[in-house]
């Protein structure tokens, strides 16, 4: 959740904003609006929405768990139409990675646009 990341990095964000107030200004504004919205929706004070140190530690532990592949729930393999779409995307993406743009008809790989 972006709100938790904001509060984890809040001190650094404010330090950076002292040099350039436009850095992260949209993020700060968005978090402030989100807190105001959540407080109104839950009928609590805005300070109740701001995560405390324990909530931030729990959030970071949950984020760490997400980074461990074995901690993610295993999903059933796709079947039917979904399997066909996934198979097509896999083959298309692997073909795009394996092909050389200059091998494609027309031969222009983007480059500088100058003569070849």
N, C-alpha and C. Protein backbone atom coordinates (compact mmCIF):
# COMPACT_ATOMS: atom_id res chain seq x y z
N UNK A 1 0.85 -1.17 0.00
CA UNK A 1 0.00 0.00 0.00
C UNK A 1 0.90 1.24 0.00
N UNK A 2 0.62 2.14 -0.92
CA UNK A 2 1.44 3.33 -1.08
C UNK A 2 1.51 4.21 0.17
N UNK A 3 0.44 4.20 0.94
CA UNK A 3 0.42 5.01 2.15
C UNK A 3 1.50 4.56 3.12
N UNK A 4 1.66 3.26 3.31
CA UNK A 4 2.68 2.76 4.22
C UNK A 4 4.08 3.10 3.72
N UNK A 5 4.31 2.92 2.42
CA UNK A 5 5.63 3.27 1.87
C UNK A 5 5.93 4.75 2.10
N UNK A 6 4.92 5.58 1.96
CA UNK A 6 5.14 7.01 2.18
C UNK A 6 5.66 7.26 3.59
N UNK A 7 5.02 6.64 4.57
CA UNK A 7 5.43 6.89 5.96
C UNK A 7 6.76 6.23 6.30
N UNK A 8 7.10 5.16 5.62
CA UNK A 8 8.42 4.55 5.82
C UNK A 8 9.51 5.51 5.34
N UNK A 9 9.26 6.17 4.22
CA UNK A 9 10.26 7.07 3.64
C UNK A 9 9.99 8.55 3.93
N UNK A 10 9.05 8.84 4.80
CA UNK A 10 8.63 10.22 5.04
C UNK A 10 9.79 11.16 5.38
N UNK A 11 10.67 10.77 6.28
CA UNK A 11 11.79 11.65 6.67
C UNK A 11 12.68 11.95 5.46
N UNK A 12 12.95 10.95 4.67
CA UNK A 12 13.78 11.15 3.48
C UNK A 12 13.07 12.02 2.45
N UNK A 13 11.78 11.81 2.30
CA UNK A 13 11.00 12.63 1.36
C UNK A 13 11.05 14.09 1.76
N UNK A 14 10.87 14.37 3.05
CA UNK A 14 10.91 15.77 3.51
C UNK A 14 12.31 16.37 3.34
N UNK A 15 13.33 15.57 3.56
CA UNK A 15 14.71 16.06 3.38
C UNK A 15 14.95 16.42 1.91
N UNK A 16 14.50 15.58 1.01
CA UNK A 16 14.65 15.84 -0.42
C UNK A 16 13.84 17.06 -0.82
N UNK A 17 12.63 17.20 -0.26
CA UNK A 17 11.77 18.33 -0.61
C UNK A 17 12.30 19.67 -0.11
N UNK A 18 13.17 19.65 0.88
CA UNK A 18 13.79 20.92 1.31
C UNK A 18 14.65 21.50 0.19
N UNK A 19 15.27 20.62 -0.61
CA UNK A 19 16.07 21.08 -1.74
C UNK A 19 15.21 21.38 -2.97
N UNK A 20 14.19 20.55 -3.18
CA UNK A 20 13.31 20.74 -4.33
C UNK A 20 11.89 20.34 -3.92
N UNK A 21 11.05 21.32 -3.59
CA UNK A 21 9.70 21.04 -3.10
C UNK A 21 8.81 20.29 -4.10
N UNK A 22 9.21 20.25 -5.37
CA UNK A 22 8.37 19.58 -6.36
C UNK A 22 8.58 18.07 -6.38
N UNK A 23 9.67 17.57 -5.78
CA UNK A 23 9.92 16.14 -5.75
C UNK A 23 8.92 15.48 -4.80
N UNK A 24 8.24 14.47 -5.27
CA UNK A 24 7.23 13.73 -4.49
C UNK A 24 6.03 14.58 -4.08
N UNK A 25 5.87 15.79 -4.63
CA UNK A 25 4.75 16.62 -4.20
C UNK A 25 3.41 15.97 -4.50
N UNK A 26 3.30 15.30 -5.63
CA UNK A 26 2.04 14.63 -5.96
C UNK A 26 1.79 13.46 -5.02
N UNK A 27 2.85 12.74 -4.67
CA UNK A 27 2.73 11.61 -3.75
C UNK A 27 2.26 12.10 -2.38
N UNK A 28 2.88 13.17 -1.89
CA UNK A 28 2.49 13.74 -0.60
C UNK A 28 1.04 14.20 -0.61
N UNK A 29 0.63 14.85 -1.68
CA UNK A 29 -0.75 15.33 -1.82
C UNK A 29 -1.71 14.15 -1.88
N UNK A 30 -1.35 13.13 -2.65
CA UNK A 30 -2.21 11.95 -2.77
C UNK A 30 -2.38 11.26 -1.42
N UNK A 31 -1.31 11.09 -0.67
CA UNK A 31 -1.39 10.45 0.64
C UNK A 31 -2.27 11.28 1.58
N UNK A 32 -2.10 12.59 1.57
CA UNK A 32 -2.92 13.46 2.43
C UNK A 32 -4.40 13.33 2.07
N UNK A 33 -4.71 13.30 0.79
CA UNK A 33 -6.10 13.15 0.36
C UNK A 33 -6.65 11.77 0.73
N UNK A 34 -5.82 10.75 0.59
CA UNK A 34 -6.24 9.41 0.94
C UNK A 34 -6.55 9.31 2.43
N UNK A 35 -5.70 9.90 3.25
CA UNK A 35 -5.92 9.88 4.71
C UNK A 35 -7.22 10.60 5.05
N UNK A 36 -7.44 11.75 4.44
CA UNK A 36 -8.67 12.51 4.69
C UNK A 36 -9.90 11.70 4.27
N UNK A 37 -9.82 11.06 3.10
CA UNK A 37 -10.93 10.24 2.60
C UNK A 37 -11.21 9.06 3.53
N UNK A 38 -10.15 8.32 3.89
CA UNK A 38 -10.31 7.15 4.76
C UNK A 38 -10.87 7.55 6.13
N UNK A 39 -10.39 8.65 6.67
CA UNK A 39 -10.88 9.12 7.98
C UNK A 39 -12.37 9.43 7.90
N UNK A 40 -12.77 10.09 6.84
CA UNK A 40 -14.19 10.43 6.67
C UNK A 40 -15.02 9.16 6.48
N UNK A 41 -14.52 8.25 5.66
CA UNK A 41 -15.24 7.00 5.39
C UNK A 41 -15.38 6.15 6.65
N UNK A 42 -14.34 6.10 7.47
CA UNK A 42 -14.37 5.29 8.69
C UNK A 42 -14.88 6.06 9.90
N UNK A 43 -15.15 7.35 9.70
CA UNK A 43 -15.65 8.22 10.78
C UNK A 43 -14.69 8.22 11.97
N UNK A 44 -13.41 8.46 11.66
CA UNK A 44 -12.38 8.57 12.69
C UNK A 44 -11.54 9.81 12.39
N UNK A 45 -10.69 10.15 13.34
CA UNK A 45 -9.77 11.26 13.12
C UNK A 45 -8.69 10.84 12.11
N UNK A 46 -8.19 11.77 11.31
CA UNK A 46 -7.14 11.42 10.35
C UNK A 46 -5.91 10.76 11.00
N UNK A 47 -5.60 11.15 12.23
CA UNK A 47 -4.44 10.55 12.90
C UNK A 47 -4.62 9.05 13.12
N UNK A 48 -5.86 8.58 13.15
CA UNK A 48 -6.12 7.14 13.32
C UNK A 48 -5.78 6.35 12.06
N UNK A 49 -5.70 7.03 10.94
CA UNK A 49 -5.40 6.38 9.67
C UNK A 49 -3.89 6.25 9.45
N UNK A 50 -3.13 7.12 10.06
CA UNK A 50 -1.67 7.13 9.88
C UNK A 50 -1.08 5.92 10.61
N UNK A 51 -0.35 5.06 9.89
CA UNK A 51 0.18 3.86 10.53
C UNK A 51 1.26 4.20 11.57
N UNK A 52 1.21 3.48 12.70
CA UNK A 52 2.24 3.67 13.73
C UNK A 52 3.43 2.74 13.42
N UNK A 53 4.44 2.79 14.26
CA UNK A 53 5.66 2.02 14.02
C UNK A 53 5.38 0.53 13.93
N UNK A 54 4.50 0.02 14.78
CA UNK A 54 4.17 -1.42 14.75
C UNK A 54 3.50 -1.79 13.43
N UNK A 55 2.56 -0.97 12.98
CA UNK A 55 1.88 -1.24 11.71
C UNK A 55 2.86 -1.21 10.55
N UNK A 56 3.82 -0.29 10.59
CA UNK A 56 4.82 -0.21 9.52
C UNK A 56 5.74 -1.42 9.53
N UNK A 57 6.12 -1.89 10.74
CA UNK A 57 6.95 -3.11 10.83
C UNK A 57 6.19 -4.31 10.28
N UNK A 58 4.91 -4.43 10.64
CA UNK A 58 4.10 -5.53 10.12
C UNK A 58 3.97 -5.46 8.61
N UNK A 59 3.81 -4.24 8.09
CA UNK A 59 3.73 -4.04 6.65
C UNK A 59 5.01 -4.50 5.97
N UNK A 60 6.16 -4.12 6.53
CA UNK A 60 7.43 -4.52 5.93
C UNK A 60 7.63 -6.04 5.99
N UNK A 61 7.19 -6.66 7.08
CA UNK A 61 7.29 -8.13 7.17
C UNK A 61 6.42 -8.78 6.08
N UNK A 62 5.24 -8.23 5.85
CA UNK A 62 4.36 -8.77 4.81
C UNK A 62 4.98 -8.57 3.43
N UNK A 63 5.60 -7.42 3.20
CA UNK A 63 6.28 -7.16 1.93
C UNK A 63 7.43 -8.14 1.74
N UNK A 64 8.17 -8.40 2.81
CA UNK A 64 9.28 -9.35 2.72
C UNK A 64 8.76 -10.75 2.38
N UNK A 65 7.66 -11.14 2.98
CA UNK A 65 7.07 -12.45 2.69
C UNK A 65 6.67 -12.56 1.23
N UNK A 66 6.22 -11.47 0.65
CA UNK A 66 5.85 -11.48 -0.77
C UNK A 66 7.06 -11.74 -1.66
N UNK A 67 8.23 -11.34 -1.21
CA UNK A 67 9.43 -11.50 -2.03
C UNK A 67 9.94 -12.94 -2.03
N UNK A 68 9.47 -13.74 -1.09
CA UNK A 68 9.88 -15.14 -1.04
C UNK A 68 8.90 -15.97 -1.87
N UNK A 69 9.39 -16.54 -2.91
CA UNK A 69 8.54 -17.29 -3.86
C UNK A 69 7.75 -18.38 -3.17
N UNK A 70 8.37 -19.05 -2.20
CA UNK A 70 7.70 -20.18 -1.57
C UNK A 70 6.59 -19.73 -0.63
N UNK A 71 6.52 -18.45 -0.31
CA UNK A 71 5.48 -17.98 0.60
C UNK A 71 4.20 -17.62 -0.15
N UNK A 72 4.28 -17.56 -1.48
CA UNK A 72 3.10 -17.22 -2.26
C UNK A 72 2.21 -18.45 -2.44
N UNK A 73 0.91 -18.27 -2.38
CA UNK A 73 0.03 -19.42 -2.58
C UNK A 73 0.18 -19.95 -4.00
N UNK A 74 0.17 -21.26 -4.13
CA UNK A 74 0.29 -21.90 -5.45
C UNK A 74 -1.08 -21.89 -6.12
N UNK A 75 -1.10 -21.54 -7.40
CA UNK A 75 -2.35 -21.49 -8.15
C UNK A 75 -2.47 -22.72 -9.03
N UNK A 76 -3.70 -23.09 -9.30
CA UNK A 76 -3.95 -24.18 -10.23
C UNK A 76 -3.51 -23.73 -11.62
N UNK A 77 -2.96 -24.64 -12.41
CA UNK A 77 -2.58 -24.26 -13.78
C UNK A 77 -3.80 -23.81 -14.57
N UNK A 78 -3.58 -22.88 -15.46
CA UNK A 78 -4.66 -22.37 -16.30
C UNK A 78 -5.13 -23.46 -17.25
N UNK A 79 -6.40 -23.41 -17.61
CA UNK A 79 -6.93 -24.38 -18.57
C UNK A 79 -7.86 -23.66 -19.53
N UNK A 80 -8.22 -24.34 -20.59
CA UNK A 80 -9.17 -23.80 -21.56
C UNK A 80 -8.65 -22.56 -22.26
N UNK A 81 -9.54 -21.60 -22.40
CA UNK A 81 -9.22 -20.37 -23.12
C UNK A 81 -8.06 -19.62 -22.48
N UNK A 82 -8.05 -19.54 -21.15
CA UNK A 82 -6.98 -18.84 -20.44
C UNK A 82 -5.63 -19.48 -20.74
N UNK A 83 -5.57 -20.81 -20.74
CA UNK A 83 -4.32 -21.51 -21.04
C UNK A 83 -3.87 -21.18 -22.47
N UNK A 84 -4.83 -21.12 -23.39
CA UNK A 84 -4.49 -20.80 -24.79
C UNK A 84 -3.92 -19.38 -24.89
N UNK A 85 -4.53 -18.44 -24.20
CA UNK A 85 -4.05 -17.06 -24.24
C UNK A 85 -2.66 -16.97 -23.62
N UNK A 86 -2.46 -17.60 -22.48
CA UNK A 86 -1.14 -17.59 -21.82
C UNK A 86 -0.10 -18.23 -22.72
N UNK A 87 -0.44 -19.36 -23.35
CA UNK A 87 0.49 -20.02 -24.28
C UNK A 87 0.85 -19.12 -25.45
N UNK A 88 -0.16 -18.45 -26.01
CA UNK A 88 0.10 -17.54 -27.12
C UNK A 88 1.01 -16.39 -26.69
N UNK A 89 0.72 -15.80 -25.52
CA UNK A 89 1.55 -14.70 -25.03
C UNK A 89 2.98 -15.16 -24.79
N UNK A 90 3.14 -16.33 -24.18
CA UNK A 90 4.49 -16.86 -23.93
C UNK A 90 5.25 -17.04 -25.24
N UNK A 91 4.61 -17.64 -26.23
CA UNK A 91 5.31 -17.87 -27.50
C UNK A 91 5.59 -16.56 -28.22
N UNK A 92 4.64 -15.64 -28.16
CA UNK A 92 4.85 -14.35 -28.81
C UNK A 92 5.98 -13.57 -28.15
N UNK A 93 5.98 -13.55 -26.81
CA UNK A 93 7.03 -12.83 -26.09
C UNK A 93 8.38 -13.48 -26.28
N UNK A 94 8.45 -14.80 -26.28
CA UNK A 94 9.75 -15.44 -26.47
C UNK A 94 10.23 -15.23 -27.90
N UNK A 95 9.31 -15.20 -28.86
CA UNK A 95 9.69 -14.89 -30.24
C UNK A 95 10.18 -13.47 -30.39
N UNK A 96 9.55 -12.53 -29.68
CA UNK A 96 9.97 -11.12 -29.74
C UNK A 96 11.34 -10.95 -29.12
N UNK A 97 11.63 -11.70 -28.07
CA UNK A 97 12.94 -11.60 -27.42
C UNK A 97 14.03 -12.21 -28.29
N UNK A 98 13.66 -13.29 -29.02
CA UNK A 98 14.66 -14.01 -29.81
C UNK A 98 14.93 -13.39 -31.16
N UNK A 99 14.01 -12.57 -31.66
CA UNK A 99 14.19 -12.02 -33.00
C UNK A 99 15.05 -10.77 -32.97
N UNK A 100 15.74 -10.55 -34.07
CA UNK A 100 16.57 -9.36 -34.24
C UNK A 100 15.73 -8.37 -35.02
N UNK A 101 15.52 -7.15 -34.53
CA UNK A 101 14.66 -6.18 -35.23
C UNK A 101 15.09 -5.95 -36.66
N UNK A 102 16.36 -6.07 -37.00
CA UNK A 102 16.80 -5.83 -38.37
C UNK A 102 16.45 -6.99 -39.28
N UNK A 103 16.06 -8.17 -38.70
CA UNK A 103 15.66 -9.30 -39.51
C UNK A 103 14.23 -9.15 -40.03
N UNK A 104 13.47 -8.25 -39.41
CA UNK A 104 12.09 -8.05 -39.80
C UNK A 104 12.07 -7.31 -41.13
N UNK A 105 11.10 -7.66 -41.98
CA UNK A 105 11.01 -6.98 -43.27
C UNK A 105 10.93 -5.48 -43.09
N UNK A 106 11.67 -4.75 -43.83
CA UNK A 106 11.76 -3.31 -43.65
C UNK A 106 13.07 -2.97 -42.98
N UNK A 107 13.62 -3.89 -42.18
CA UNK A 107 14.95 -3.83 -41.65
C UNK A 107 15.33 -2.69 -40.73
N UNK A 108 14.52 -1.67 -40.56
CA UNK A 108 14.92 -0.56 -39.71
C UNK A 108 14.68 -0.91 -38.26
N UNK A 109 15.76 -0.88 -37.46
CA UNK A 109 15.63 -1.22 -36.04
C UNK A 109 15.38 0.00 -35.19
N UNK A 110 15.09 1.11 -35.78
CA UNK A 110 14.86 2.32 -35.00
C UNK A 110 16.07 3.21 -35.09
N UNK A 111 17.14 2.81 -34.46
CA UNK A 111 18.44 3.48 -34.53
C UNK A 111 18.36 4.98 -34.62
N UNK A 112 19.32 5.55 -35.33
CA UNK A 112 19.42 7.01 -35.41
C UNK A 112 18.60 7.58 -36.56
N UNK A 113 18.06 6.69 -37.39
CA UNK A 113 17.25 7.19 -38.50
C UNK A 113 18.08 7.57 -39.71
N UNK A 114 19.39 7.40 -39.62
CA UNK A 114 20.27 7.74 -40.72
C UNK A 114 20.28 6.66 -41.77
N UNK A 115 20.96 6.88 -42.90
CA UNK A 115 21.02 5.90 -43.97
C UNK A 115 21.78 4.66 -43.53
N UNK A 116 21.38 3.51 -44.07
CA UNK A 116 22.04 2.23 -43.73
C UNK A 116 22.96 1.81 -44.82
